[in-house]
Amino acid sequence: MTHAVVVEELLVNRGGRAVVRDLGFTVPRGTVTGLIGPSGCGKTTLMRSVVGVQVVAGGVVTVLGLPAGSAALRNRIGYSTQSPSVYADLTVTESLRYFAAVLRAPKSDVSRVIDEVGLGRHAGKVIGRLSGGELSRASLAVALLGSPELLVLDEPTVGLDPVLREELWTLFHGLAERGVTLLVSSHVMDEAARCHRLLLMREGQLLADGTPDELRRRTESTDLEQAFLRLVREREEAVRS
């Protein structure tokens, strides 16, 4: 398989309206693909569809060669949500030991992922007492347990300081070099340049799919934020005409 994720004509309805419609794209293996767009554009819904926990109204989502949500994918995908996915009354280490046991990951993974997300000084801290950024890192650590072939990370760097954001992006690229595929969402355009490929979303649809350089050339922009704005204007003009 050359693609870790294949999405075809995806349609997701919520509250009587389509929140994701007619989406189609592929995510090549061993890449960092950025899902970029403003809050509320459908990024989380799309990621939930890839993980297999979202009810879809139409289309096909294939992950690692299997239908999204297949039982055989449970230990092959790491998923980090925007909301904390760890227990507030456990320490960081205790929580990760629990999830490692559930995932049947090696016990040594606990210390590994704690170091990877920069929580070494907080390993014995109760999760309920962590700051917002520390809590995000603890949730990310859970997704890194085991040997996931695909990581689906929903806004993993929100609330983090620039130094830690840089460290995490270095980690993401190191994982990709080892063959792991990453689908990373963000609404911060300066993170787009860190990705191998970009999926630009707005109002439940894809505006563009390509490398950062391709999108710059297509829009004749040197800045990715300006490229995104030009694509938005192009879409609006096409709708009006």
Foldseek 3Di string as FASTA:
>chain_A
DQFQKWWAQWWADDPHGTQAGGDTDTFGWLFEEEEEEDPSQCLVVVLCCQQPNGDTPDTFMAGNNHGHPDPVQPLQEFEFDLDFPFDQAAFLLVRLCVLCVVSVFDNVLSVVLCVQQVNPVRRRPRNNPDDSLVSLSSSVSSSVTHLHQEYEYEASCPPHDPVSVVSNLVVVNVSSVVGRTYYYYDHDQVCLLSTQWYFYTGSNYTLDIGGQVVLCVVQVHPGVVVSNVSSVVVVVVVVVD
